[in-house]
Amino acid sequence: MKRWLVENGIFITMSPERPVLQGWMAVEGTQIAAIGEGTAPEAERRAAAEIVNGEGLLFLPGLVNTHGHAAMTLLRGLADDLKLQDWLQNHIWPMEAKFTGDDVYWGSALAAAEMILSGTTTFADMYDHMNRVAEVVEQSGLRAALARGVIGLCPPEEQTVKLEEAIRFAKDWHGKADGRIRVMMAPHAPYTCPPDYIERIVAAAHDLGLPLHTHMSETAAEVEQNVRDYGVRPVEHLDRLGLFSRPALVAHAVHLTDDEIALLAERNVAVSHNPVSNLKLASGVARVPDLLRAGVTVSLGTDGAASNNNLDLFEEIRLAALLHKGVSGDPTAVPALEALRLGTVCGAKALGLEGVTGELKPGLKADFIAVSVDKPHLTPATDYISHLVYAASGADVVHVWADGRQLLRNRELLTLDLERIRFEAQRCFERLRA
């Protein structure tokens, strides 16, 4: 098993005790073997099959994107500046109805390339044709939590087919790609899945021992519709249906009451905060400081590229730090280190990957990225956590490793053919548009 060494680097470990250290890190196989301050011990240098000079580089955990729809890169820029329901029903869903497995493959490959180039090493995805997304994960080297998203606005026999597809996908792919793929069960949302259908999906998640992922309380209109249809707001509705009886991750969670926040904390439900998508669709601003104070695990997601319109998680990190200062009037609402934690260690926890990824720590997977600090906007060398949150972008990422394997070297993708992917993605879009 190859052991190699990074020396002369600055490491953003995400450790509460010492979040930043200048020193070295040893990698063996797929894991971080050791990390330390100062000069690497001579024994480490002798044991290393390769030594990487980290001078001028910030090393930090690979970013974790906890909510998205990768293949929607094909719909980027298709329909902007619209309300959610208009955007979905009149523009997105009609186009998605034309998607083939190949469309999903090339759209997801385009997303994978974009994520690697901007420093994301782990992502959650909810879509159709998920076996093709899993193929992209396997080939790209990324880590992922994948779910066959299920919309129940269809006859009972079609609901059953979709659920069977989700179960088959879980059985075929959970734990595959050398353990880099985890599977979740995913009723799309309370407003797209009848109550009895959600209960069936929850039962399947129990049978398979899998977590659940859904959209929830994204817009005020959605909450009002839930009250009209079922007599309660979405949080209580999903709790009654048992969705929170499994490890659960809810996307958006913008419109919450104090009691709902308390219930999410009590049930250990994680939230994927999608600030850019929420703003672009005018869905509102999630109560992130209140969620954090209540002890809810809050992570960050880009959502799909049709409602963002990029997959650069650095933008979500920056906006998570800035947005909540602005709406609360409190500049301490989400400090820089907290925002960075949302995009790394908290993301890992939200996906059930705590102790696997999200930190630079011996025994965890070697999922990490290198950001060049030899840039005007990252000078002078004052507070590197501040620079990463308030000044850096995905374009500053120069190297990426996941599971100990290098996926990006000097901005060059090593596992994906970007020229081919861009050509095929454009070809897919032209066919869909026609």
Protein backbone atom coordinates (compact mmCIF):
# COMPACT_ATOMS: atom_id res chain seq x y z
CA MET A 1 0.00 0.00 0.00
CA LYS A 2 1.56 3.27 -1.14
CA ARG A 3 2.47 5.79 1.55
CA TRP A 4 3.20 9.34 0.49
CA LEU A 5 3.76 12.68 2.13
CA VAL A 6 2.73 16.31 1.80
CA GLU A 7 5.16 18.70 3.47
CA ASN A 8 5.57 22.47 3.84
CA GLY A 9 1.79 22.95 3.64
CA ILE A 10 -0.81 24.86 5.61
CA PHE A 11 -3.56 22.46 6.71
CA ILE A 12 -7.10 23.52 7.56
CA THR A 13 -7.94 20.44 9.62
CA MET A 14 -11.45 21.45 10.83
CA SER A 15 -10.41 20.17 14.24
CA PRO A 16 -11.94 22.27 17.06
CA GLU A 17 -8.67 22.09 18.99
CA ARG A 18 -6.37 23.19 16.15
CA PRO A 19 -8.19 24.14 12.95
CA VAL A 20 -5.04 25.45 11.23
CA LEU A 21 -1.53 24.06 11.34
CA GLN A 22 1.61 24.53 9.26
CA GLY A 23 3.32 21.25 8.69
CA TRP A 24 2.93 17.89 6.99
CA MET A 25 0.46 15.09 6.30
CA ALA A 26 1.07 11.43 5.42
CA VAL A 27 -1.36 9.41 3.29
CA GLU A 28 -1.38 5.61 3.11
CA GLY A 29 -3.68 3.91 0.63
CA THR A 30 -7.10 5.54 0.91
CA GLN A 31 -6.58 7.09 4.34
CA ILE A 32 -4.83 9.92 6.11
CA ALA A 33 -2.14 8.17 8.15
CA ALA A 34 -0.68 11.04 10.15
CA ILE A 35 -0.60 14.82 10.35
CA GLY A 36 1.71 17.08 12.28
CA GLU A 37 3.15 20.53 12.77
CA GLY A 38 6.54 21.72 11.60
CA THR A 39 8.96 19.55 9.66
CA ALA A 40 8.01 15.98 8.83
CA PRO A 41 9.91 13.39 10.93
CA GLU A 42 12.75 11.73 9.06
CA ALA A 43 11.02 8.36 9.46
CA GLU A 44 8.00 9.72 7.56
CA ARG A 45 10.21 11.07 4.78
CA ARG A 46 11.99 7.72 4.44
CA ALA A 47 8.69 5.82 4.36
CA ALA A 48 7.22 8.03 1.65
CA ALA A 49 7.17 6.70 -1.89
CA GLU A 50 6.43 10.25 -3.03
CA ILE A 51 6.83 13.66 -1.40
CA VAL A 52 4.60 16.55 -2.48
CA ASN A 53 5.84 20.06 -1.76
CA GLY A 54 2.88 21.96 -0.33
CA GLU A 55 4.52 25.38 -0.36
CA GLY A 56 2.06 28.08 -1.40
CA LEU A 57 -0.89 25.76 -0.89
CA LEU A 58 -3.74 25.52 1.61
CA PHE A 59 -4.92 21.94 2.17
CA LEU A 60 -8.43 21.39 3.47
CA PRO A 61 -11.01 18.62 3.49
CA GLY A 62 -12.82 18.05 0.21
CA LEU A 63 -16.09 19.98 0.20
CA VAL A 64 -19.37 18.11 0.75
CA ASN A 65 -22.42 19.09 -1.32
CA THR A 66 -25.46 17.62 0.46
CA HIS A 67 -28.21 18.34 -2.04
CA GLY A 68 -28.33 18.41 -5.81
CA HIS A 69 -29.56 16.95 -9.05
CA ALA A 70 -26.36 16.46 -11.05
CA ALA A 71 -27.90 15.84 -14.47
CA MET A 72 -29.70 19.18 -14.32
CA THR A 73 -26.48 20.75 -15.62
CA LEU A 74 -28.15 20.10 -19.00
CA LEU A 75 -30.87 22.61 -18.01
CA ARG A 76 -28.51 25.35 -16.85
CA GLY A 77 -29.84 28.73 -17.99
CA LEU A 78 -32.96 27.19 -19.54
CA ALA A 79 -35.50 29.01 -17.36
CA ASP A 80 -34.46 31.76 -14.96
CA ASP A 81 -36.19 34.38 -12.84
CA LEU A 82 -39.35 32.35 -12.20
CA LYS A 83 -41.27 31.20 -9.11
CA LEU A 84 -40.63 27.62 -8.02
CA GLN A 85 -43.92 26.03 -9.11
CA ASP A 86 -43.94 27.84 -12.49
CA TRP A 87 -40.27 26.95 -12.99
CA LEU A 88 -40.86 23.28 -12.15
CA GLN A 89 -44.22 22.58 -13.76
CA ASN A 90 -43.96 24.66 -16.93
CA HIS A 91 -40.26 24.47 -17.77
CA ILE A 92 -38.21 21.87 -15.86
CA TRP A 93 -40.50 18.84 -15.56
CA PRO A 94 -41.56 18.90 -19.25
CA MET A 95 -37.89 18.92 -20.30
CA GLU A 96 -36.91 16.26 -17.75
CA ALA A 97 -39.66 14.00 -19.10
CA LYS A 98 -37.54 13.71 -22.26
CA PHE A 99 -34.37 12.65 -20.42
CA THR A 100 -32.83 9.31 -21.38
CA GLY A 101 -30.24 7.39 -19.42
CA ASP A 102 -27.55 8.82 -21.69
CA ASP A 103 -28.73 12.37 -20.96
CA VAL A 104 -28.45 11.67 -17.23
CA TYR A 105 -25.01 10.13 -17.71
CA TRP A 106 -23.53 13.07 -19.63
CA GLY A 107 -25.27 15.69 -17.49
CA SER A 108 -23.93 14.01 -14.36
CA ALA A 109 -20.46 13.70 -15.88
CA LEU A 110 -20.52 17.43 -16.58
CA ALA A 111 -21.52 18.02 -12.94
CA ALA A 112 -18.76 15.71 -11.69
CA ALA A 113 -16.16 17.61 -13.69
CA GLU A 114 -17.46 20.93 -12.39
CA MET A 115 -17.47 19.71 -8.80
CA ILE A 116 -13.94 18.31 -8.95
CA LEU A 117 -12.66 21.53 -10.53
CA SER A 118 -14.23 23.55 -7.68
CA GLY A 119 -13.12 21.33 -4.79
CA THR A 120 -16.11 19.11 -4.03
CA THR A 121 -15.18 15.49 -3.31
CA THR A 122 -18.52 14.21 -1.92
CA PHE A 123 -22.01 14.97 -3.18
CA ALA A 124 -25.61 13.91 -2.61
CA ASP A 125 -27.79 13.38 -5.65
CA MET A 126 -31.50 12.73 -6.12
CA TYR A 127 -32.71 11.94 -9.64
CA ASP A 128 -33.87 9.30 -12.12
CA HIS A 129 -31.72 6.81 -14.10
CA MET A 130 -29.54 6.68 -11.00
CA ASN A 131 -27.52 3.70 -12.20
CA ARG A 132 -26.03 6.06 -14.80
CA VAL A 133 -25.15 8.58 -12.07
CA ALA A 134 -23.51 5.76 -10.12
CA GLU A 135 -21.43 4.91 -13.20
CA VAL A 136 -20.17 8.51 -13.26
CA VAL A 137 -19.27 8.32 -9.55
CA GLU A 138 -17.42 5.05 -10.12
CA GLN A 139 -15.43 6.50 -13.04
CA SER A 140 -14.77 9.96 -11.62
CA GLY A 141 -13.42 8.83 -8.24
CA LEU A 142 -15.85 11.01 -6.29
CA ARG A 143 -17.72 9.95 -3.15
CA ALA A 144 -21.52 10.16 -3.25
CA ALA A 145 -24.81 9.54 -1.46
CA LEU A 146 -27.25 8.66 -4.24
CA ALA A 147 -31.03 8.34 -4.26
CA ARG A 148 -33.55 7.44 -6.92
CA GLY A 149 -35.84 10.43 -6.44
CA VAL A 150 -39.47 9.30 -6.44
CA ILE A 151 -42.38 11.54 -7.46
CA GLY A 152 -45.74 9.97 -6.59
CA LEU A 153 -48.03 12.08 -8.79
CA CYS A 154 -48.97 9.04 -10.86
CA PRO A 155 -51.22 5.95 -10.76
CA PRO A 156 -50.61 3.37 -7.98
CA GLU A 157 -49.07 0.83 -10.36
CA GLU A 158 -46.53 3.43 -11.55
CA GLN A 159 -45.78 4.35 -7.94
CA THR A 160 -44.98 0.70 -7.29
CA VAL A 161 -42.66 0.52 -10.31
CA LYS A 162 -40.77 3.60 -9.15
CA LEU A 163 -40.40 2.25 -5.61
CA GLU A 164 -39.18 -1.09 -6.95
CA GLU A 165 -36.61 0.78 -9.07
CA ALA A 166 -35.40 2.66 -5.99
CA ILE A 167 -35.09 -0.60 -4.02
CA ARG A 168 -33.27 -2.33 -6.87
CA PHE A 169 -30.87 0.60 -7.22
CA ALA A 170 -30.12 0.43 -3.48
CA LYS A 171 -29.43 -3.30 -3.61
CA ASP A 172 -27.25 -2.96 -6.71
CA TRP A 173 -25.15 0.05 -5.73
CA HIS A 174 -25.02 0.57 -1.93
CA GLY A 175 -21.38 0.15 -0.89
CA LYS A 176 -20.09 -0.10 -4.46
CA ALA A 177 -17.23 1.85 -6.11
CA ASP A 178 -14.87 0.67 -3.35
CA GLY A 179 -17.35 1.88 -0.75
CA ARG A 180 -17.56 5.41 -2.16
CA ILE A 181 -21.26 5.06 -3.02
CA ARG A 182 -23.91 5.15 -0.29
CA VAL A 183 -27.61 4.97 -1.17
CA MET A 184 -30.55 6.85 0.34
CA MET A 185 -34.30 6.48 -0.21
CA ALA A 186 -35.92 9.66 -1.47
CA PRO A 187 -39.59 10.61 -1.68
CA HIS A 188 -39.27 13.83 -3.68
CA ALA A 189 -41.41 16.02 -1.39
CA PRO A 190 -44.63 15.96 0.66
CA TYR A 191 -46.40 17.87 -2.13
CA THR A 192 -45.38 15.33 -4.81
CA CYS A 193 -45.89 12.12 -2.83
CA PRO A 194 -49.20 11.00 -1.26
CA PRO A 195 -48.98 10.09 2.45
CA ASP A 196 -49.42 6.34 1.94
CA TYR A 197 -46.65 6.37 -0.67
CA ILE A 198 -44.25 8.13 1.71
CA GLU A 199 -45.07 5.46 4.32
CA ARG A 200 -44.18 2.74 1.81
CA ILE A 201 -40.85 4.43 1.05
CA VAL A 202 -40.11 4.78 4.77
CA ALA A 203 -40.88 1.08 5.26
CA ALA A 204 -38.46 0.21 2.45
CA ALA A 205 -35.78 2.38 4.07
CA HIS A 206 -36.25 0.45 7.32
CA ASP A 207 -36.05 -2.88 5.50
CA LEU A 208 -32.86 -1.84 3.70
CA GLY A 209 -31.31 0.02 6.65
CA LEU A 210 -30.95 3.21 4.63
CA PRO A 211 -31.34 6.94 5.41
CA LEU A 212 -33.99 9.16 3.81
CA HIS A 213 -33.69 12.38 1.85
CA THR A 214 -36.48 14.74 0.76
CA HIS A 215 -37.32 18.34 -0.12
CA MET A 216 -39.24 20.05 2.69
CA SER A 217 -40.71 23.49 3.46
CA GLU A 218 -38.89 25.12 0.56
CA THR A 219 -41.56 27.78 -0.11
CA ALA A 220 -44.36 29.42 1.87
CA ALA A 221 -46.83 28.26 -0.80
CA GLU A 222 -45.75 24.66 -0.29
CA VAL A 223 -46.34 24.92 3.46
CA GLU A 224 -49.78 26.45 2.90
CA GLN A 225 -50.68 23.70 0.45
CA ASN A 226 -49.65 21.04 2.97
CA VAL A 227 -51.96 22.60 5.57
CA ARG A 228 -54.83 22.68 3.05
CA ASP A 229 -54.28 19.10 1.92
CA TYR A 230 -53.39 17.39 5.20
CA GLY A 231 -54.29 19.80 8.02
CA VAL A 232 -50.69 20.19 9.26
CA ARG A 233 -47.42 21.77 8.18
CA PRO A 234 -44.78 19.63 6.42
CA VAL A 235 -42.60 18.91 9.48
CA GLU A 236 -45.45 17.45 11.54
CA HIS A 237 -46.81 15.72 8.43
CA LEU A 238 -43.52 13.92 7.71
CA ASP A 239 -43.03 13.11 11.39
CA ARG A 240 -46.47 11.45 11.52
CA LEU A 241 -45.58 9.44 8.40
CA GLY A 242 -42.44 8.11 10.10
CA LEU A 243 -39.91 9.78 7.85
CA PHE A 244 -37.92 10.96 10.85
CA SER A 245 -37.82 7.44 12.32
CA ARG A 246 -34.81 6.83 10.06
CA PRO A 247 -31.70 9.02 9.75
CA ALA A 248 -33.10 11.83 7.60
CA LEU A 249 -31.80 14.76 5.59
CA VAL A 250 -34.21 17.46 4.44
CA ALA A 251 -33.33 19.96 1.72
CA HIS A 252 -34.13 23.68 2.04
CA ALA A 253 -36.22 23.80 5.28
CA VAL A 254 -36.71 27.52 4.74
CA HIS A 255 -40.09 28.08 6.37
CA LEU A 256 -39.93 26.69 9.91
CA THR A 257 -41.49 27.61 13.24
CA ASP A 258 -39.70 27.44 16.59
CA ASP A 259 -41.57 24.23 17.43
CA GLU A 260 -40.57 22.67 14.10
CA ILE A 261 -36.91 23.51 14.69
CA ALA A 262 -37.14 21.91 18.14
CA LEU A 263 -38.72 18.78 16.63
CA LEU A 264 -36.02 18.47 13.95
CA ALA A 265 -33.39 18.73 16.69
CA GLU A 266 -35.18 16.13 18.81
CA ARG A 267 -35.40 13.70 15.86
CA ASN A 268 -31.77 14.34 14.78
CA VAL A 269 -32.92 15.45 11.32
CA ALA A 270 -30.17 17.12 9.27
CA VAL A 271 -30.83 20.10 7.02
CA SER A 272 -29.22 20.88 3.66
CA HIS A 273 -29.11 24.67 3.40
CA ASN A 274 -29.16 25.81 -0.26
CA PRO A 275 -28.74 29.60 -0.01
CA VAL A 276 -28.09 30.40 -3.70
CA SER A 277 -31.00 28.31 -5.01
CA ASN A 278 -33.30 29.61 -2.29
CA LEU A 279 -32.50 33.19 -3.24
CA LYS A 280 -32.69 32.65 -7.00
CA LEU A 281 -36.14 31.07 -6.74
CA ALA A 282 -37.19 33.66 -4.13
CA SER A 283 -38.02 30.84 -1.73
CA GLY A 284 -36.75 32.78 1.26
CA VAL A 285 -33.94 32.62 3.80
CA ALA A 286 -33.64 29.60 6.07
CA ARG A 287 -33.31 30.18 9.83
CA VAL A 288 -29.79 28.78 9.95
CA PRO A 289 -28.56 30.52 13.14
CA ASP A 290 -31.67 29.27 14.98
CA LEU A 291 -31.18 25.76 13.62
CA LEU A 292 -27.55 25.76 14.73
CA ARG A 293 -28.45 27.06 18.21
CA ALA A 294 -31.00 24.25 18.53
CA GLY A 295 -28.33 21.67 17.72
CA VAL A 296 -29.58 20.73 14.24
CA THR A 297 -26.87 19.52 11.86
CA VAL A 298 -26.84 22.08 9.04
CA SER A 299 -24.92 21.39 5.84
CA LEU A 300 -24.70 23.06 2.44
CA GLY A 301 -26.03 22.14 -0.99
CA THR A 302 -25.99 23.80 -4.38
CA ASP A 303 -29.26 22.21 -5.59
CA GLY A 304 -29.28 21.57 -9.33
CA ALA A 305 -27.44 23.77 -11.82
CA ALA A 306 -30.79 24.88 -13.27
CA SER A 307 -31.56 26.84 -10.08
CA ASN A 308 -28.11 28.00 -8.99
CA ASN A 309 -26.58 28.05 -11.75
CA ASN A 310 -23.20 26.55 -10.84
CA LEU A 311 -21.96 23.85 -8.47
CA ASP A 312 -19.23 25.88 -6.74
CA LEU A 313 -19.71 25.12 -3.05
CA PHE A 314 -17.34 27.95 -2.11
CA GLU A 315 -20.18 30.29 -3.15
CA GLU A 316 -22.57 28.54 -0.76
CA ILE A 317 -20.01 28.76 2.05
CA ARG A 318 -19.48 32.48 1.51
CA LEU A 319 -23.19 33.18 1.21
CA ALA A 320 -23.98 31.14 4.33
CA ALA A 321 -21.58 33.40 6.23
CA LEU A 322 -22.85 36.65 4.69
CA LEU A 323 -26.57 36.14 4.23
CA HIS A 324 -27.42 35.47 7.86
CA LYS A 325 -25.42 38.46 9.05
CA GLY A 326 -27.43 40.63 6.68
CA VAL A 327 -30.91 39.41 7.58
CA SER A 328 -30.25 39.18 11.33
CA GLY A 329 -28.25 42.37 11.80
CA ASP A 330 -25.74 40.27 13.75
CA PRO A 331 -22.23 40.04 12.23
CA THR A 332 -21.49 37.04 14.45
CA ALA A 333 -24.52 35.03 13.21
CA VAL A 334 -22.46 32.54 11.15
CA PRO A 335 -18.72 33.11 11.66
CA ALA A 336 -16.23 32.12 8.94
CA LEU A 337 -15.09 28.89 10.62
CA GLU A 338 -18.71 27.84 11.19
CA ALA A 339 -19.51 28.45 7.51
CA LEU A 340 -16.53 26.35 6.46
CA ARG A 341 -17.63 23.58 8.82
CA LEU A 342 -21.07 23.58 7.14
CA GLY A 343 -19.37 22.77 3.84
CA THR A 344 -17.07 20.06 5.22
CA VAL A 345 -17.48 18.24 8.54
CA CYS A 346 -21.19 19.06 8.92
CA GLY A 347 -21.83 17.92 5.36
CA ALA A 348 -20.19 14.61 6.13
CA LYS A 349 -22.31 14.22 9.27
CA ALA A 350 -25.51 15.05 7.35
CA LEU A 351 -24.75 12.21 4.89
CA GLY A 352 -23.89 9.68 7.59
CA LEU A 353 -20.18 9.99 6.77
CA GLU A 354 -19.00 11.38 10.10
CA GLY A 355 -15.67 9.74 10.86
CA VAL A 356 -15.22 8.96 7.16
CA THR A 357 -14.62 12.34 5.52
CA GLY A 358 -14.97 16.08 6.18
CA GLU A 359 -11.82 16.56 8.31
CA LEU A 360 -8.08 16.17 7.96
CA LYS A 361 -7.52 13.61 10.67
CA PRO A 362 -5.64 10.30 10.90
CA GLY A 363 -7.91 7.37 10.13
CA LEU A 364 -10.29 9.36 7.93
CA LYS A 365 -10.41 8.99 4.18
CA ALA A 366 -7.86 10.97 2.18
CA ASP A 367 -10.47 13.29 0.64
CA PHE A 368 -8.77 16.67 0.45
CA ILE A 369 -8.07 19.60 -1.83
CA ALA A 370 -5.30 22.15 -2.30
CA VAL A 371 -6.01 25.85 -2.85
CA SER A 372 -3.26 28.07 -4.22
CA VAL A 373 -2.66 31.14 -2.06
CA ASP A 374 -0.37 32.71 -4.66
CA LYS A 375 -3.21 34.99 -5.75
CA PRO A 376 -3.81 38.73 -5.28
CA HIS A 377 -7.18 38.15 -3.59
CA LEU A 378 -5.62 35.73 -1.07
CA THR A 379 -2.84 38.13 -0.07
CA PRO A 380 -1.61 39.07 2.54
CA ALA A 381 -1.24 35.93 4.62
CA THR A 382 -3.47 37.00 7.51
CA ASP A 383 -6.32 34.61 8.36
CA TYR A 384 -6.55 31.71 5.93
CA ILE A 385 -9.98 30.58 7.13
CA SER A 386 -11.25 34.09 6.46
CA HIS A 387 -9.65 34.00 3.00
CA LEU A 388 -11.25 30.65 2.16
CA VAL A 389 -14.71 31.84 3.18
CA TYR A 390 -14.76 35.48 2.09
CA ALA A 391 -12.25 35.67 -0.78
CA ALA A 392 -11.62 32.26 -2.40
CA SER A 393 -13.61 30.50 -5.10
CA GLY A 394 -13.61 27.10 -6.71
CA ALA A 395 -11.28 28.48 -9.40
CA ASP A 396 -8.51 28.66 -6.78
CA VAL A 397 -8.49 24.86 -6.35
CA VAL A 398 -5.42 23.36 -8.03
CA HIS A 399 -5.33 19.75 -6.76
CA VAL A 400 -8.01 17.31 -5.57
CA TRP A 401 -7.74 13.86 -3.99
CA ALA A 402 -10.57 11.50 -3.02
CA ASP A 403 -10.08 8.13 -1.35
CA GLY A 404 -6.34 8.73 -1.68
CA ARG A 405 -6.52 9.03 -5.48
CA GLN A 406 -5.66 12.26 -7.24
CA LEU A 407 -8.57 13.49 -9.38
CA LEU A 408 -7.19 16.94 -10.29
CA ARG A 409 -3.56 17.96 -10.81
CA ASN A 410 -2.69 21.57 -11.59
CA ARG A 411 -6.29 22.19 -12.75
CA GLU A 412 -6.17 19.17 -15.09
CA LEU A 413 -8.83 16.47 -14.61
CA LEU A 414 -7.23 13.04 -14.32
CA THR A 415 -10.30 10.76 -14.30
CA LEU A 416 -12.66 12.49 -16.72
CA ASP A 417 -12.34 13.66 -20.35
CA LEU A 418 -13.68 17.21 -20.07
CA GLU A 419 -13.60 17.96 -23.81
CA ARG A 420 -15.66 14.84 -24.59
CA ILE A 421 -18.06 15.55 -21.72
CA ARG A 422 -18.73 19.13 -22.86
CA PHE A 423 -19.31 17.95 -26.44
CA GLU A 424 -21.73 15.20 -25.39
CA ALA A 425 -23.57 17.45 -22.91
CA GLN A 426 -24.13 20.06 -25.60
CA ARG A 427 -25.33 17.35 -27.99
CA CYS A 428 -27.80 16.07 -25.38
CA PHE A 429 -29.13 19.57 -24.78
CA GLU A 430 -29.65 20.21 -28.49
CA ARG A 431 -31.71 17.01 -28.76
CA LEU A 432 -33.77 17.89 -25.67
CA ARG A 433 -34.42 21.42 -26.90
CA ALA A 434 -35.49 20.16 -30.34
